PDB file of all heavy atoms in Angstrom:
ATOM      1  N   PHE A   1      95.476  89.730  93.324  1.00  0.00           N
ATOM      2  CA  PHE A   1      94.836  91.037  93.435  1.00  0.00           C
ATOM      3  C   PHE A   1      95.583  92.086  92.624  1.00  0.00           C
ATOM      4  O   PHE A   1      94.989  92.840  91.850  1.00  0.00           O
ATOM      5  CB  PHE A   1      94.742  91.478  94.905  1.00  0.00           C
ATOM      6  CG  PHE A   1      94.294  92.901  95.060  1.00  0.00           C
ATOM      7  CD1 PHE A   1      92.961  93.228  94.905  1.00  0.00           C
ATOM      8  CD2 PHE A   1      95.209  93.905  95.339  1.00  0.00           C
ATOM      9  CE1 PHE A   1      92.544  94.552  95.036  1.00  0.00           C
ATOM     10  CE2 PHE A   1      94.799  95.228  95.474  1.00  0.00           C
ATOM     11  CZ  PHE A   1      93.460  95.544  95.317  1.00  0.00           C
ATOM     12  N   TRP A   2      96.906  92.131  92.783  1.00  0.00           N
ATOM     13  CA  TRP A   2      97.676  93.142  92.074  1.00  0.00           C
ATOM     14  C   TRP A   2      97.722  92.882  90.579  1.00  0.00           C
ATOM     15  O   TRP A   2      97.788  93.819  89.781  1.00  0.00           O
ATOM     16  CB  TRP A   2      99.075  93.288  92.690  1.00  0.00           C
ATOM     17  CG  TRP A   2      98.958  94.004  94.005  1.00  0.00           C
ATOM     18  CD1 TRP A   2      99.121  93.476  95.239  1.00  0.00           C
ATOM     19  CD2 TRP A   2      98.592  95.368  94.199  1.00  0.00           C
ATOM     20  NE1 TRP A   2      98.869  94.422  96.201  1.00  0.00           N
ATOM     21  CE2 TRP A   2      98.544  95.599  95.592  1.00  0.00           C
ATOM     22  CE3 TRP A   2      98.291  96.419  93.346  1.00  0.00           C
ATOM     23  CZ2 TRP A   2      98.207  96.838  96.132  1.00  0.00           C
ATOM     24  CZ3 TRP A   2      97.961  97.651  93.900  1.00  0.00           C
ATOM     25  CH2 TRP A   2      97.926  97.853  95.278  1.00  0.00           C
ATOM     26  N   ALA A   3      97.643  91.637  90.160  1.00  0.00           N
ATOM     27  CA  ALA A   3      97.544  91.326  88.728  1.00  0.00           C
ATOM     28  C   ALA A   3      96.211  91.848  88.188  1.00  0.00           C
ATOM     29  O   ALA A   3      96.145  92.400  87.080  1.00  0.00           O
ATOM     30  CB  ALA A   3      97.676  89.830  88.488  1.00  0.00           C
ATOM     31  N   PHE A   4      95.138  91.709  88.976  1.00  0.00           N
ATOM     32  CA  PHE A   4      93.826  92.210  88.589  1.00  0.00           C
ATOM     33  C   PHE A   4      93.846  93.735  88.487  1.00  0.00           C
ATOM     34  O   PHE A   4      93.299  94.316  87.534  1.00  0.00           O
ATOM     35  CB  PHE A   4      92.790  91.744  89.612  1.00  0.00           C
ATOM     36  CG  PHE A   4      91.391  92.165  89.306  1.00  0.00           C
ATOM     37  CD1 PHE A   4      90.686  91.578  88.275  1.00  0.00           C
ATOM     38  CD2 PHE A   4      90.765  93.136  90.065  1.00  0.00           C
ATOM     39  CE1 PHE A   4      89.380  91.959  87.988  1.00  0.00           C
ATOM     40  CE2 PHE A   4      89.470  93.531  89.793  1.00  0.00           C
ATOM     41  CZ  PHE A   4      88.769  92.939  88.751  1.00  0.00           C
ATOM     42  N   VAL A   5      94.467  94.392  89.448  1.00  0.00           N
ATOM     43  CA  VAL A   5      94.594  95.847  89.410  1.00  0.00           C
ATOM     44  C   VAL A   5      95.349  96.278  88.155  1.00  0.00           C
ATOM     45  O   VAL A   5      94.942  97.204  87.451  1.00  0.00           O
ATOM     46  CB  VAL A   5      95.285  96.384  90.680  1.00  0.00           C
ATOM     47  CG1 VAL A   5      95.680  97.851  90.527  1.00  0.00           C
ATOM     48  CG2 VAL A   5      94.393  96.185  91.899  1.00  0.00           C
ATOM     49  N   GLN A   6      96.442  95.577  87.862  1.00  0.00           N
ATOM     50  CA  GLN A   6      97.232  95.921  86.676  1.00  0.00           C
ATOM     51  C   GLN A   6      96.429  95.737  85.403  1.00  0.00           C
ATOM     52  O   GLN A   6      96.557  96.515  84.461  1.00  0.00           O
ATOM     53  CB  GLN A   6      98.521  95.095  86.629  1.00  0.00           C
ATOM     54  CG  GLN A   6      99.482  95.557  85.551  1.00  0.00           C
ATOM     55  CD  GLN A   6      99.932  97.006  85.752  1.00  0.00           C
ATOM     56  OE1 GLN A   6     100.416  97.370  86.826  1.00  0.00           O
ATOM     57  NE2 GLN A   6      99.753  97.844  84.747  1.00  0.00           N
ATOM     58  N   GLU A   7      95.565  94.708  85.366  1.00  0.00           N
ATOM     59  CA  GLU A   7      94.680  94.504  84.215  1.00  0.00           C
ATOM     60  C   GLU A   7      93.811  95.731  83.990  1.00  0.00           C
ATOM     61  O   GLU A   7      93.627  96.170  82.858  1.00  0.00           O
ATOM     62  CB  GLU A   7      93.751  93.305  84.467  1.00  0.00           C
ATOM     63  CG  GLU A   7      94.063  92.082  83.693  1.00  0.00           C
ATOM     64  CD  GLU A   7      93.019  90.999  83.954  1.00  0.00           C
ATOM     65  OE1 GLU A   7      91.864  91.150  83.494  1.00  0.00           O
ATOM     66  OE2 GLU A   7      93.372  90.014  84.617  1.00  0.00           O
ATOM     67  N   GLY A   8      93.259  96.263  85.063  1.00  0.00           N
ATOM     68  CA  GLY A   8      92.428  97.462  84.970  1.00  0.00           C
ATOM     69  C   GLY A   8      93.218  98.668  84.509  1.00  0.00           C
ATOM     70  O   GLY A   8      92.746  99.456  83.681  1.00  0.00           O
ATOM     71  N   ILE A   9      94.409  98.820  85.025  1.00  0.00           N
ATOM     72  CA  ILE A   9      95.265  99.940  84.612  1.00  0.00           C
ATOM     73  C   ILE A   9      95.598  99.823  83.134  1.00  0.00           C
ATOM     74  O   ILE A   9      95.517 100.811  82.387  1.00  0.00           O
ATOM     75  CB  ILE A   9      96.544  99.989  85.477  1.00  0.00           C
ATOM     76  CG1 ILE A   9      96.196 100.372  86.917  1.00  0.00           C
ATOM     77  CG2 ILE A   9      97.568 100.949  84.876  1.00  0.00           C
ATOM     78  CD1 ILE A   9      97.324 100.196  87.907  1.00  0.00           C
ATOM     79  N   ASP A  10      95.956  98.616  82.704  1.00  0.00           N
ATOM     80  CA  ASP A  10      96.281  98.402  81.296  1.00  0.00           C
ATOM     81  C   ASP A  10      95.078  98.688  80.399  1.00  0.00           C
ATOM     82  O   ASP A  10      95.218  99.303  79.330  1.00  0.00           O
ATOM     83  CB  ASP A  10      96.786  96.975  81.063  1.00  0.00           C
ATOM     84  CG  ASP A  10      98.118  96.697  81.739  1.00  0.00           C
ATOM     85  OD1 ASP A  10      98.815  97.659  82.139  1.00  0.00           O
ATOM     86  OD2 ASP A  10      98.469  95.504  81.874  1.00  0.00           O
ATOM     87  N   ALA A  11      93.883  98.253  80.818  1.00  0.00           N
ATOM     88  CA  ALA A  11      92.669  98.509  80.036  1.00  0.00           C
ATOM     89  C   ALA A  11      92.408 100.010  79.953  1.00  0.00           C
ATOM     90  O   ALA A  11      92.073 100.536  78.885  1.00  0.00           O
ATOM     91  CB  ALA A  11      91.479  97.788  80.649  1.00  0.00           C
ATOM     92  N   ALA A  12      92.573 100.708  81.067  1.00  0.00           N
ATOM     93  CA  ALA A  12      92.373 102.162  81.062  1.00  0.00           C
ATOM     94  C   ALA A  12      93.388 102.844  80.157  1.00  0.00           C
ATOM     95  O   ALA A  12      93.049 103.768  79.400  1.00  0.00           O
ATOM     96  CB  ALA A  12      92.469 102.714  82.481  1.00  0.00           C
ATOM     97  N   ASP A  13      94.625 102.382  80.189  1.00  0.00           N
ATOM     98  CA  ASP A  13      95.660 102.950  79.318  1.00  0.00           C
ATOM     99  C   ASP A  13      95.324 102.754  77.842  1.00  0.00           C
ATOM    100  O   ASP A  13      95.700 103.564  77.000  1.00  0.00           O
ATOM    101  CB  ASP A  13      97.029 102.334  79.619  1.00  0.00           C
ATOM    102  CG  ASP A  13      97.613 102.807  80.937  1.00  0.00           C
ATOM    103  OD1 ASP A  13      97.098 103.800  81.508  1.00  0.00           O
ATOM    104  OD2 ASP A  13      98.583 102.176  81.411  1.00  0.00           O
ATOM    105  N   ARG A  14      94.602 101.669  77.519  1.00  0.00           N
ATOM    106  CA  ARG A  14      94.188 101.413  76.135  1.00  0.00           C
ATOM    107  C   ARG A  14      92.912 102.171  75.779  1.00  0.00           C
ATOM    108  O   ARG A  14      92.418 102.081  74.671  1.00  0.00           O
ATOM    109  CB  ARG A  14      93.960  99.911  75.919  1.00  0.00           C
ATOM    110  CG  ARG A  14      95.223  99.073  75.944  1.00  0.00           C
ATOM    111  CD  ARG A  14      94.944  97.633  75.508  1.00  0.00           C
ATOM    112  NE  ARG A  14      93.925  96.975  76.323  1.00  0.00           N
ATOM    113  CZ  ARG A  14      94.173  96.252  77.421  1.00  0.00           C
ATOM    114  NH1 ARG A  14      95.424  96.100  77.852  1.00  0.00           N
ATOM    115  NH2 ARG A  14      93.184  95.677  78.085  1.00  0.00           N
ATOM    116  N   GLY A  15      92.346 102.886  76.751  1.00  0.00           N
ATOM    117  CA  GLY A  15      91.128 103.649  76.507  1.00  0.00           C
ATOM    118  C   GLY A  15      89.858 102.838  76.669  1.00  0.00           C
ATOM    119  O   GLY A  15      88.785 103.287  76.276  1.00  0.00           O
ATOM    120  N   GLU A  16      89.963 101.658  77.246  1.00  0.00           N
ATOM    121  CA  GLU A  16      88.800 100.796  77.447  1.00  0.00           C
ATOM    122  C   GLU A  16      88.124 101.188  78.755  1.00  0.00           C
ATOM    123  O   GLU A  16      88.316 100.554  79.788  1.00  0.00           O
ATOM    124  CB  GLU A  16      89.227  99.326  77.466  1.00  0.00           C
ATOM    125  CG  GLU A  16      89.865  98.869  76.175  1.00  0.00           C
ATOM    126  CD  GLU A  16      90.519  97.510  76.286  1.00  0.00           C
ATOM    127  OE1 GLU A  16      90.457  96.864  77.353  1.00  0.00           O
ATOM    128  OE2 GLU A  16      91.122  97.084  75.287  1.00  0.00           O
ATOM    129  N   LEU A  17      87.323 102.239  78.672  1.00  0.00           N
ATOM    130  CA  LEU A  17      86.690 102.783  79.865  1.00  0.00           C
ATOM    131  C   LEU A  17      85.176 102.744  79.730  1.00  0.00           C
ATOM    132  O   LEU A  17      84.638 102.711  78.621  1.00  0.00           O
ATOM    133  CB  LEU A  17      87.142 104.223  80.080  1.00  0.00           C
ATOM    134  CG  LEU A  17      88.657 104.422  80.196  1.00  0.00           C
ATOM    135  CD1 LEU A  17      88.994 105.899  80.173  1.00  0.00           C
ATOM    136  CD2 LEU A  17      89.179 103.777  81.456  1.00  0.00           C
ATOM    137  N   ILE A  18      84.481 102.769  80.848  1.00  0.00           N
ATOM    138  CA  ILE A  18      83.025 102.820  80.888  1.00  0.00           C
ATOM    139  C   ILE A  18      82.661 104.135  81.563  1.00  0.00           C
ATOM    140  O   ILE A  18      83.183 104.464  82.633  1.00  0.00           O
ATOM    141  CB  ILE A  18      82.457 101.633  81.684  1.00  0.00           C
ATOM    142  CG1 ILE A  18      82.840 100.317  81.023  1.00  0.00           C
ATOM    143  CG2 ILE A  18      80.946 101.753  81.826  1.00  0.00           C
ATOM    144  CD1 ILE A  18      82.490  99.087  81.849  1.00  0.00           C
ATOM    145  N   SER A  19      81.747 104.880  80.948  1.00  0.00           N
ATOM    146  CA  SER A  19      81.359 106.167  81.526  1.00  0.00           C
ATOM    147  C   SER A  19      80.533 105.957  82.793  1.00  0.00           C
ATOM    148  O   SER A  19      79.966 104.876  83.022  1.00  0.00           O
ATOM    149  CB  SER A  19      80.540 106.973  80.516  1.00  0.00           C
ATOM    150  OG  SER A  19      79.254 106.398  80.372  1.00  0.00           O
ATOM    151  N   GLN A  20      80.442 106.997  83.575  1.00  0.00           N
ATOM    152  CA  GLN A  20      79.635 106.949  84.796  1.00  0.00           C
ATOM    153  C   GLN A  20      78.179 106.646  84.453  1.00  0.00           C
ATOM    154  O   GLN A  20      77.531 105.838  85.110  1.00  0.00           O
ATOM    155  CB  GLN A  20      79.739 108.285  85.543  1.00  0.00           C
ATOM    156  CG  GLN A  20      78.962 108.348  86.828  1.00  0.00           C
ATOM    157  CD  GLN A  20      79.578 107.507  87.936  1.00  0.00           C
ATOM    158  OE1 GLN A  20      80.764 107.254  87.942  1.00  0.00           O
ATOM    159  NE2 GLN A  20      78.753 107.080  88.871  1.00  0.00           N
ATOM    160  N   ASP A  21      77.656 107.280  83.405  1.00  0.00           N
ATOM    161  CA  ASP A  21      76.268 107.053  83.004  1.00  0.00           C
ATOM    162  C   ASP A  21      76.036 105.601  82.589  1.00  0.00           C
ATOM    163  O   ASP A  21      75.018 104.996  82.947  1.00  0.00           O
ATOM    164  CB  ASP A  21      75.874 107.993  81.858  1.00  0.00           C
ATOM    165  CG  ASP A  21      75.784 109.442  82.291  1.00  0.00           C
ATOM    166  OD1 ASP A  21      75.604 109.693  83.505  1.00  0.00           O
ATOM    167  OD2 ASP A  21      75.883 110.327  81.419  1.00  0.00           O
ATOM    168  N   GLU A  22      76.959 105.034  81.822  1.00  0.00           N
ATOM    169  CA  GLU A  22      76.828 103.636  81.405  1.00  0.00           C
ATOM    170  C   GLU A  22      76.849 102.700  82.620  1.00  0.00           C
ATOM    171  O   GLU A  22      76.081 101.736  82.684  1.00  0.00           O
ATOM    172  CB  GLU A  22      77.966 103.244  80.457  1.00  0.00           C
ATOM    173  CG  GLU A  22      77.888 103.880  79.089  1.00  0.00           C
ATOM    174  CD  GLU A  22      79.132 103.604  78.265  1.00  0.00           C
ATOM    175  OE1 GLU A  22      80.254 103.817  78.782  1.00  0.00           O
ATOM    176  OE2 GLU A  22      78.969 103.180  77.100  1.00  0.00           O
ATOM    177  N   MET A  23      77.719 103.004  83.563  1.00  0.00           N
ATOM    178  CA  MET A  23      77.831 102.157  84.754  1.00  0.00           C
ATOM    179  C   MET A  23      76.566 102.244  85.586  1.00  0.00           C
ATOM    180  O   MET A  23      76.062 101.230  86.085  1.00  0.00           O
ATOM    181  CB  MET A  23      79.059 102.588  85.564  1.00  0.00           C
ATOM    182  CG  MET A  23      79.440 101.624  86.635  1.00  0.00           C
ATOM    183  SD  MET A  23      80.032 100.110  85.887  1.00  0.00           S
ATOM    184  CE  MET A  23      79.377  98.929  87.001  1.00  0.00           C
ATOM    185  N   GLU A  24      76.036 103.433  85.758  1.00  0.00           N
ATOM    186  CA  GLU A  24      74.808 103.596  86.532  1.00  0.00           C
ATOM    187  C   GLU A  24      73.636 102.895  85.861  1.00  0.00           C
ATOM    188  O   GLU A  24      72.805 102.265  86.535  1.00  0.00           O
ATOM    189  CB  GLU A  24      74.510 105.081  86.747  1.00  0.00           C
ATOM    190  CG  GLU A  24      75.460 105.709  87.751  1.00  0.00           C
ATOM    191  CD  GLU A  24      75.256 107.204  87.909  1.00  0.00           C
ATOM    192  OE1 GLU A  24      74.292 107.764  87.331  1.00  0.00           O
ATOM    193  OE2 GLU A  24      76.064 107.820  88.623  1.00  0.00           O
ATOM    194  N   ALA A  25      73.539 102.968  84.533  1.00  0.00           N
ATOM    195  CA  ALA A  25      72.470 102.285  83.805  1.00  0.00           C
ATOM    196  C   ALA A  25      72.603 100.776  83.972  1.00  0.00           C
ATOM    197  O   ALA A  25      71.604 100.069  84.185  1.00  0.00           O
ATOM    198  CB  ALA A  25      72.508 102.670  82.325  1.00  0.00           C
ATOM    199  N   TRP A  26      73.819 100.257  83.891  1.00  0.00           N
ATOM    200  CA  TRP A  26      74.052  98.822  84.070  1.00  0.00           C
ATOM    201  C   TRP A  26      73.631  98.389  85.471  1.00  0.00           C
ATOM    202  O   TRP A  26      72.954  97.384  85.658  1.00  0.00           O
ATOM    203  CB  TRP A  26      75.523  98.495  83.822  1.00  0.00           C
ATOM    204  CG  TRP A  26      75.872  97.069  84.118  1.00  0.00           C
ATOM    205  CD1 TRP A  26      75.706  96.000  83.304  1.00  0.00           C
ATOM    206  CD2 TRP A  26      76.429  96.561  85.340  1.00  0.00           C
ATOM    207  NE1 TRP A  26      76.131  94.848  83.936  1.00  0.00           N
ATOM    208  CE2 TRP A  26      76.576  95.165  85.184  1.00  0.00           C
ATOM    209  CE3 TRP A  26      76.821  97.148  86.530  1.00  0.00           C
ATOM    210  CZ2 TRP A  26      77.098  94.366  86.192  1.00  0.00           C
ATOM    211  CZ3 TRP A  26      77.334  96.341  87.531  1.00  0.00           C
ATOM    212  CH2 TRP A  26      77.468  94.959  87.354  1.00  0.00           C
ATOM    213  N   PHE A  27      74.030  99.183  86.466  1.00  0.00           N
ATOM    214  CA  PHE A  27      73.705  98.848  87.847  1.00  0.00           C
ATOM    215  C   PHE A  27      72.198  98.861  88.073  1.00  0.00           C
ATOM    216  O   PHE A  27      71.646  97.959  88.707  1.00  0.00           O
ATOM    217  CB  PHE A  27      74.399  99.819  88.815  1.00  0.00           C
ATOM    218  CG  PHE A  27      74.123  99.516  90.247  1.00  0.00           C
ATOM    219  CD1 PHE A  27      74.788  98.489  90.887  1.00  0.00           C
ATOM    220  CD2 PHE A  27      73.178 100.238  90.964  1.00  0.00           C
ATOM    221  CE1 PHE A  27      74.529  98.188  92.220  1.00  0.00           C
ATOM    222  CE2 PHE A  27      72.913  99.937  92.286  1.00  0.00           C
ATOM    223  CZ  PHE A  27      73.592  98.908  92.914  1.00  0.00           C
TER     224      PHE A  27
END
């Protein structure tokens, strides 16, 4: 679990983010 959390933190630090609008459209 904590490795998965760290993956997300690392991705966010690299700027690999999804906007709220993109996420809502996907959902």
